[in-house]
């Protein structure tokens, strides 16, 4: 059976081949009559238009290459703000708080010499110039004061203030042992030639002169008593200025002066005040922390009082007329800034009315005539512009 199948298949293939040949022959016969076939070659539309080559819009605009805005500005490179400021590295204030210590001869609330410094340093604490403040007061004995000064230097305080003219001796010995610590002392004008010592003083004769001018207009007996401690420093300047002002205002005024020989002896001040009153004085004044003894006697006898160093109105609102106030913060502010900048000493500061270092404060509770107040201001102006002199 297989040969037969093969034979049949061959016959079938031959038949298919014959049909295919016949089909091809028919196409060749028709071809010459159908010549329009070349039409596709005439159109060739894609070659004629070539629209993409004519426009080439992307190549004409090229917007990114024309603008290039980021390359033109380069703002971050011009400012570089973080590199310019670097504030934390320059200041470092929180890491180095400025510390000040004070050694003083009397109580910090004496309404006189020590309190004037105590109030001044606290004013700088309130303003933020000083971070820490310590005080050893009541050290009238010089040896005790010297030990306190050295102790604060040992503890690394930035500025140690020896607030007393009697402290010059120990300070001169202590300061060279601590070249990295700044010291200040007063009232004095000597820095001992040491690079880490400042000195400070005050023209207390200016305020004394003003108080004398006012006192000469308020006295009825024409007798005025003055109680001084020791004839040194701002105490002597004040006494001399007061006497000069009083006699300049009224040549008929008698100014009696007594020095007790002590800054702190309250009993001696009280005795001196009583002696002045017995001699006819109806106006008193004095200097140093011992004046609380004198003001007590003045109040008992209804005698007017003029204060200095601090506002002494609390010692007797019915007798205190006016006070010359030392505003040491004016000087200390400059000292502190110089120490922070690296200058530890070698300069003397002297306070006057100019700059606000001295201030005359009247007691508002006292009925002071307007013309007297006006003369006080005129005297301050004259002392400031040089038209009036205290003779000091």
Protein backbone atom coordinates (compact mmCIF):
# COMPACT_ATOMS: atom_id res chain seq x y z
CA UNK A 1 0.00 0.00 0.00
CA UNK A 2 2.80 2.41 0.58
CA UNK A 3 3.92 2.55 -3.07
CA UNK A 4 0.44 3.48 -4.03
CA UNK A 5 0.23 6.29 -1.55
CA UNK A 6 3.50 7.68 -2.74
CA UNK A 7 2.32 7.52 -6.32
CA UNK A 8 -0.87 9.35 -5.45
CA UNK A 9 1.01 12.03 -3.65
CA UNK A 10 3.26 12.57 -6.60
CA UNK A 11 0.30 12.93 -8.84
CA UNK A 12 -1.23 15.47 -6.48
CA UNK A 13 1.96 17.53 -6.40
CA UNK A 14 2.21 17.49 -10.17
CA UNK A 15 -1.35 18.74 -10.43
CA UNK A 16 -0.64 21.60 -8.02
CA UNK A 17 2.49 22.56 -9.90
CA UNK A 18 0.61 22.63 -13.19
CA UNK A 19 -1.99 24.99 -11.74
CA UNK A 20 0.68 27.31 -10.39
CA UNK A 21 2.41 27.53 -13.72
CA UNK A 22 -0.84 28.34 -15.43
CA UNK A 23 -1.52 31.22 -12.94
CA UNK A 24 1.87 32.81 -13.64
CA UNK A 25 1.31 32.76 -17.27
CA UNK A 26 -1.88 34.81 -16.97
CA UNK A 27 -0.15 37.65 -15.10
CA UNK A 28 2.52 38.03 -17.75
CA UNK A 29 -0.07 38.41 -20.44
CA UNK A 30 -1.84 41.29 -18.66
CA UNK A 31 1.28 43.25 -17.59
CA UNK A 32 1.92 45.33 -20.71
CA UNK A 33 -1.62 46.74 -20.65
CA UNK A 34 -1.34 47.83 -17.04
CA UNK A 35 1.71 50.17 -17.34
CA UNK A 36 0.45 52.63 -14.69
CA UNK A 37 2.42 50.55 -12.13
CA UNK A 38 5.38 53.00 -11.98
CA UNK A 39 3.10 55.63 -10.24
CA UNK A 40 4.58 55.06 -6.85
CA UNK A 41 7.97 56.22 -8.13
CA UNK A 42 6.50 59.58 -9.23
CA UNK A 43 4.98 60.52 -5.86
CA UNK A 44 7.75 59.73 -3.43
CA UNK A 45 6.02 62.10 -1.05
CA UNK A 46 8.36 61.51 1.84
CA UNK A 47 11.38 62.67 -0.14
CA UNK A 48 9.74 65.91 -1.39
CA UNK A 49 8.42 67.18 1.97
CA UNK A 50 11.17 66.31 4.39
CA UNK A 51 9.34 68.48 6.84
CA UNK A 52 11.47 67.52 9.79
CA UNK A 53 14.62 68.84 8.05
CA UNK A 54 13.09 72.23 7.17
CA UNK A 55 11.75 73.13 10.62
CA UNK A 56 14.34 71.67 12.95
CA UNK A 57 12.63 73.56 15.72
CA UNK A 58 14.61 71.98 18.51
CA UNK A 59 17.88 73.15 16.97
CA UNK A 60 16.72 76.75 16.49
CA UNK A 61 15.48 77.34 20.06
CA UNK A 62 18.02 75.57 22.20
CA UNK A 63 16.58 77.52 25.11
CA UNK A 64 18.62 75.83 27.80
CA UNK A 65 21.91 76.88 26.18
CA UNK A 66 20.88 80.52 25.77
CA UNK A 67 19.65 81.17 29.34
CA UNK A 68 21.95 79.15 31.58
CA UNK A 69 20.57 81.20 34.48
CA UNK A 70 22.17 79.17 37.25
CA UNK A 71 25.67 79.77 35.84
CA UNK A 72 25.19 83.53 35.55
CA UNK A 73 23.89 84.19 39.11
CA UNK A 74 25.88 81.81 41.27
CA UNK A 75 24.31 83.51 44.27
CA UNK A 76 25.55 81.02 46.86
CA UNK A 77 29.18 81.69 45.92
CA UNK A 78 28.79 85.47 46.25
CA UNK A 79 27.14 85.55 49.71
CA UNK A 80 28.77 82.71 51.63
CA UNK A 81 27.02 84.05 54.73
CA UNK A 82 27.91 81.17 57.04
CA UNK A 83 31.66 81.69 56.48
CA UNK A 84 31.47 85.44 57.17
CA UNK A 85 29.56 85.32 60.48
CA UNK A 86 30.93 82.41 62.50
CA UNK A 87 29.71 84.31 65.56
CA UNK A 88 30.04 81.47 68.06
CA UNK A 89 33.79 81.16 67.39
CA UNK A 90 34.42 84.90 67.81
CA UNK A 91 32.41 85.63 70.96
CA UNK A 92 32.24 82.45 73.02
CA UNK A 93 30.72 84.66 75.75
CA UNK A 94 28.77 81.84 77.45
CA UNK A 95 32.00 79.89 77.94
CA UNK A 96 33.88 82.70 79.71
CA UNK A 97 31.67 84.60 82.21
CA UNK A 98 33.31 87.78 83.50
CA UNK A 99 33.76 87.72 87.27
CA UNK A 100 34.41 90.70 89.54
CA UNK A 101 35.31 90.75 93.24
CA UNK A 102 35.35 93.75 95.58
CA UNK A 103 37.16 94.21 98.87
CA UNK A 104 35.85 97.20 100.85
CA UNK A 105 36.43 98.70 104.30
CA UNK A 106 32.84 99.13 105.52
CA UNK A 107 29.41 97.57 105.15
CA UNK A 108 27.97 97.31 101.66
CA UNK A 109 24.87 99.18 102.88
CA UNK A 110 26.70 102.04 104.61
CA UNK A 111 25.04 104.71 102.39
CA UNK A 112 28.55 106.03 101.79
CA UNK A 113 31.85 104.87 100.31
CA UNK A 114 31.33 101.09 100.11
CA UNK A 115 27.72 101.22 99.02
CA UNK A 116 28.63 103.52 96.15
CA UNK A 117 30.83 100.72 94.73
CA UNK A 118 28.39 97.95 95.66
CA UNK A 119 25.59 99.68 93.75
CA UNK A 120 27.88 100.35 90.78
CA UNK A 121 28.97 96.73 90.32
CA UNK A 122 25.38 95.50 90.69
CA UNK A 123 24.38 97.94 87.95
CA UNK A 124 26.86 96.23 85.62
CA UNK A 125 25.52 92.82 86.63
CA UNK A 126 22.02 93.99 85.71
CA UNK A 127 23.27 95.27 82.35
CA UNK A 128 24.94 91.93 81.56
CA UNK A 129 28.52 93.24 81.47
CA UNK A 130 29.41 91.19 84.54
CA UNK A 131 28.27 87.61 85.10
CA UNK A 132 29.37 87.11 88.70
CA UNK A 133 30.00 89.49 91.61
CA UNK A 134 31.48 88.74 95.04
CA UNK A 135 32.26 91.16 97.85
CA UNK A 136 34.18 91.05 101.11
CA UNK A 137 33.15 94.13 103.08
CA UNK A 138 34.00 95.39 106.55
CA UNK A 139 37.72 94.81 106.00
CA UNK A 140 38.99 98.02 107.54
CA UNK A 141 42.09 96.22 108.78
CA UNK A 142 44.55 96.37 105.90
CA UNK A 143 46.03 92.90 106.54
CA UNK A 144 42.56 91.33 106.30
CA UNK A 145 41.90 93.22 103.11
CA UNK A 146 45.20 91.99 101.63
CA UNK A 147 44.29 88.37 102.38
CA UNK A 148 40.91 88.81 100.71
CA UNK A 149 42.48 90.43 97.62
CA UNK A 150 44.94 87.57 97.24
CA UNK A 151 42.21 85.01 97.79
CA UNK A 152 40.09 86.35 94.95
CA UNK A 153 43.11 86.42 92.64
CA UNK A 154 43.82 82.79 93.52
CA UNK A 155 40.25 81.92 92.59
CA UNK A 156 40.76 83.36 89.13
CA UNK A 157 38.47 86.38 89.23
CA UNK A 158 38.92 88.53 86.12
CA UNK A 159 38.90 91.84 88.01
CA UNK A 160 39.63 92.37 91.71
CA UNK A 161 38.72 95.81 93.07
CA UNK A 162 40.49 97.04 96.22
CA UNK A 163 38.05 99.79 97.16
CA UNK A 164 40.03 101.85 99.64
CA UNK A 165 43.01 104.18 99.40
CA UNK A 166 44.53 102.35 102.39
CA UNK A 167 44.87 99.18 100.27
CA UNK A 168 47.67 100.46 98.03
CA UNK A 169 50.47 98.77 99.99
CA UNK A 170 49.24 95.17 99.85
CA UNK A 171 47.99 95.58 96.28
CA UNK A 172 51.42 96.66 95.10
CA UNK A 173 52.84 93.40 96.49
CA UNK A 174 50.04 91.10 95.33
CA UNK A 175 49.45 92.23 91.73
CA UNK A 176 52.85 91.09 90.33
CA UNK A 177 52.12 87.55 91.56
CA UNK A 178 49.03 87.36 89.31
CA UNK A 179 49.96 88.81 85.90
CA UNK A 180 46.81 87.38 84.28
CA UNK A 181 44.44 89.02 86.78
CA UNK A 182 43.38 92.67 86.53
CA UNK A 183 43.27 94.80 89.68
CA UNK A 184 41.71 98.22 90.30
CA UNK A 185 41.94 100.40 93.39
CA UNK A 186 40.89 103.81 94.62
CA UNK A 187 40.44 106.43 95.34
CA UNK A 188 43.93 106.92 93.98
CA UNK A 189 45.82 107.96 90.87
CA UNK A 190 48.82 105.60 91.07
CA UNK A 191 49.09 102.32 89.13
CA UNK A 192 52.62 101.61 90.50
CA UNK A 193 53.82 101.19 86.93
CA UNK A 194 52.20 97.73 86.86
CA UNK A 195 50.53 96.55 83.64
CA UNK A 196 47.68 94.82 85.46
CA UNK A 197 46.64 97.61 87.85
CA UNK A 198 44.05 100.33 87.19
CA UNK A 199 43.42 103.23 89.56
CA UNK A 200 40.34 105.40 89.88
CA UNK A 201 39.43 108.61 91.62
CA UNK A 202 36.76 111.25 91.63
CA UNK A 203 36.68 115.04 91.58
CA UNK A 204 34.63 115.08 94.76
CA UNK A 205 35.58 118.73 95.20
CA UNK A 206 33.15 119.51 92.35
CA UNK A 207 30.12 118.14 94.15
CA UNK A 208 31.44 119.52 97.40
CA UNK A 209 31.55 122.99 95.85
CA UNK A 210 27.91 122.70 94.70
CA UNK A 211 26.78 121.53 98.13
CA UNK A 212 28.67 124.44 99.72
CA UNK A 213 26.94 126.95 97.42
CA UNK A 214 23.52 125.58 98.39
CA UNK A 215 24.36 125.32 102.10
CA UNK A 216 25.48 128.95 102.22
CA UNK A 217 22.04 130.00 100.99
CA UNK A 218 20.13 127.88 103.50
CA UNK A 219 22.06 128.60 106.71
CA UNK A 220 20.46 131.12 109.05
CA UNK A 221 23.27 131.29 111.60
CA UNK A 222 26.00 131.63 108.96
CA UNK A 223 27.88 128.82 110.75
CA UNK A 224 28.46 125.51 108.98
CA UNK A 225 30.22 122.45 110.41
CA UNK A 226 32.23 119.89 108.42
CA UNK A 227 33.22 116.42 109.75
CA UNK A 228 36.06 114.77 107.85
CA UNK A 229 37.66 111.36 108.47
CA UNK A 230 41.34 111.51 107.43
CA UNK A 231 42.89 114.20 105.23
CA UNK A 232 43.40 111.97 102.19
CA UNK A 233 41.76 111.05 98.90
CA UNK A 234 38.25 111.98 97.93
CA UNK A 235 37.38 112.83 101.55
CA UNK A 236 39.81 115.75 101.68
CA UNK A 237 38.84 116.88 98.18
CA UNK A 238 35.19 117.01 99.21
CA UNK A 239 35.86 118.97 102.40
CA UNK A 240 38.03 121.51 100.58
CA UNK A 241 35.56 121.92 97.73
CA UNK A 242 32.62 122.37 100.11
CA UNK A 243 34.38 125.10 102.11
CA UNK A 244 35.41 126.93 98.93
CA UNK A 245 31.89 126.84 97.49
CA UNK A 246 30.25 128.06 100.69
CA UNK A 247 32.56 131.04 101.12
CA UNK A 248 32.38 131.87 97.41
CA UNK A 249 28.58 132.07 97.68
CA UNK A 250 28.60 133.98 100.98
CA UNK A 251 31.88 135.42 102.29
CA UNK A 252 30.27 135.98 105.68
CA UNK A 253 29.74 132.24 106.26
CA UNK A 254 31.99 130.59 108.86
CA UNK A 255 33.01 127.04 107.89
CA UNK A 256 34.42 125.00 110.77
CA UNK A 257 36.27 121.78 109.85
CA UNK A 258 37.09 118.85 112.13
CA UNK A 259 38.89 115.63 111.11
CA UNK A 260 38.21 112.66 113.38
CA UNK A 261 41.23 110.64 112.25
CA UNK A 262 39.04 107.65 111.38
CA UNK A 263 36.91 106.52 108.45
CA UNK A 264 34.79 104.19 110.54
CA UNK A 265 34.48 105.56 114.09
CA UNK A 266 30.83 106.48 114.38
CA UNK A 267 31.15 107.73 117.97
CA UNK A 268 33.86 110.24 117.03
CA UNK A 269 31.69 111.51 114.17
CA UNK A 270 28.78 111.99 116.56
CA UNK A 271 30.99 113.92 119.01
CA UNK A 272 32.26 116.19 116.24
CA UNK A 273 28.72 116.89 115.08
CA UNK A 274 27.64 117.81 118.59
CA UNK A 275 30.61 120.17 118.93
CA UNK A 276 29.70 121.95 115.70
CA UNK A 277 26.09 122.38 116.79
CA UNK A 278 27.21 123.72 120.16
CA UNK A 279 29.29 126.29 118.25
CA UNK A 280 26.18 127.53 116.44
CA UNK A 281 26.17 125.45 113.26
CA UNK A 282 22.75 124.90 111.70
CA UNK A 283 24.11 123.04 108.64
CA UNK A 284 26.45 120.02 108.68
CA UNK A 285 28.22 117.84 106.15
CA UNK A 286 30.80 115.07 106.23
CA UNK A 287 32.42 112.20 104.38
CA UNK A 288 33.08 108.47 104.83
CA UNK A 289 31.09 105.66 106.41
CA UNK A 290 31.31 107.13 109.93
CA UNK A 291 28.83 109.89 109.00
CA UNK A 292 25.90 107.82 110.29
CA UNK A 293 26.96 108.99 113.74
CA UNK A 294 26.87 112.63 112.65
CA UNK A 295 23.52 112.41 110.86
CA UNK A 296 21.94 110.90 113.95
CA UNK A 297 22.96 113.94 115.99
CA UNK A 298 21.85 116.31 113.22
CA UNK A 299 18.41 114.76 113.14
CA UNK A 300 18.04 115.01 116.91
CA UNK A 301 18.79 118.74 116.70
CA UNK A 302 16.94 119.58 113.49
CA UNK A 303 20.13 120.56 111.67
CA UNK A 304 20.38 120.32 107.87
CA UNK A 305 22.72 117.75 106.33
CA UNK A 306 24.55 117.51 102.97
CA UNK A 307 25.81 114.08 101.94
CA UNK A 308 28.43 112.69 99.59
CA UNK A 309 29.48 109.38 98.02
CA UNK A 310 25.94 107.92 98.03
CA UNK A 311 22.41 109.24 98.35
CA UNK A 312 22.01 109.72 102.11
CA UNK A 313 18.37 110.75 102.13
CA UNK A 314 17.41 107.54 104.01
CA UNK A 315 19.54 108.78 106.94
CA UNK A 316 17.01 111.55 107.56
CA UNK A 317 14.37 112.61 105.05
CA UNK A 318 13.58 115.69 107.12
CA UNK A 319 17.20 116.94 107.31
CA UNK A 320 19.10 115.72 104.20
CA UNK A 321 19.02 118.45 101.54
CA UNK A 322 21.16 116.95 98.79
CA UNK A 323 23.83 114.32 98.17
CA UNK A 324 26.73 114.08 95.78
CA UNK A 325 26.48 110.53 94.34
CA UNK A 326 29.43 108.59 92.95
CA UNK A 327 28.33 106.57 89.94
CA UNK A 328 31.33 104.25 89.70
CA UNK A 329 29.64 102.17 87.01
CA UNK A 330 30.64 104.87 84.50
CA UNK A 331 34.32 104.09 85.14
CA UNK A 332 33.94 100.37 85.80
CA UNK A 333 32.16 99.84 82.49
CA UNK A 334 35.25 101.13 80.68
CA UNK A 335 37.60 99.06 82.83
CA UNK A 336 35.64 95.86 82.24
CA UNK A 337 35.57 96.33 78.48
CA UNK A 338 39.32 97.01 78.39
CA UNK A 339 40.07 93.91 80.44
CA UNK A 340 37.89 91.83 78.11
CA UNK A 341 39.88 93.23 75.19
CA UNK A 342 43.16 92.19 76.81
CA UNK A 343 44.33 95.40 78.52
CA UNK A 344 44.66 94.51 82.19
CA UNK A 345 45.78 97.85 83.63
CA UNK A 346 48.13 100.80 83.40
CA UNK A 347 45.50 103.58 83.33
CA UNK A 348 43.85 105.99 85.78
CA UNK A 349 40.19 107.06 85.55
CA UNK A 350 38.84 110.20 87.21
CA UNK A 351 35.11 110.90 87.43
CA UNK A 352 33.56 114.36 86.97
CA UNK A 353 30.15 115.75 86.10
CA UNK A 354 30.92 115.10 82.45
CA UNK A 355 29.82 111.64 81.46
CA UNK A 356 27.54 111.34 84.48
CA UNK A 357 30.15 110.03 86.91
CA UNK A 358 29.08 112.62 89.49
CA UNK A 359 25.46 113.43 90.22
CA UNK A 360 23.85 115.89 92.65
CA UNK A 361 20.62 114.36 93.92
CA UNK A 362 18.22 116.56 95.88
CA UNK A 363 15.77 115.25 98.45
CA UNK A 364 12.31 115.65 96.93
CA UNK A 365 10.78 115.71 100.40
CA UNK A 366 12.59 118.97 101.21
CA UNK A 367 11.05 122.32 100.27
CA UNK A 368 14.02 123.89 98.53
CA UNK A 369 13.47 127.36 97.00
CA UNK A 370 13.51 127.46 93.20
CA UNK A 371 16.23 130.09 93.07
CA UNK A 372 18.49 127.89 95.19
CA UNK A 373 17.96 124.95 92.85
CA UNK A 374 18.67 127.22 89.89
CA UNK A 375 21.93 128.42 91.43
CA UNK A 376 22.99 124.80 91.97
CA UNK A 377 22.47 123.99 88.31
CA UNK A 378 24.29 127.16 87.24
CA UNK A 379 27.21 126.14 89.44
CA UNK A 380 27.31 122.65 87.90
CA UNK A 381 27.34 124.20 84.44
CA UNK A 382 30.12 126.60 85.39
CA UNK A 383 32.27 123.86 86.89
CA UNK A 384 31.75 121.74 83.75
CA UNK A 385 32.68 124.47 81.25
CA UNK A 386 35.55 125.80 83.35
CA UNK A 387 34.09 129.20 84.14
CA UNK A 388 34.04 128.25 87.85
CA UNK A 389 36.98 126.67 89.65
CA UNK A 390 37.20 124.90 92.98
CA UNK A 391 40.86 125.85 93.33
CA UNK A 392 41.90 122.17 93.43
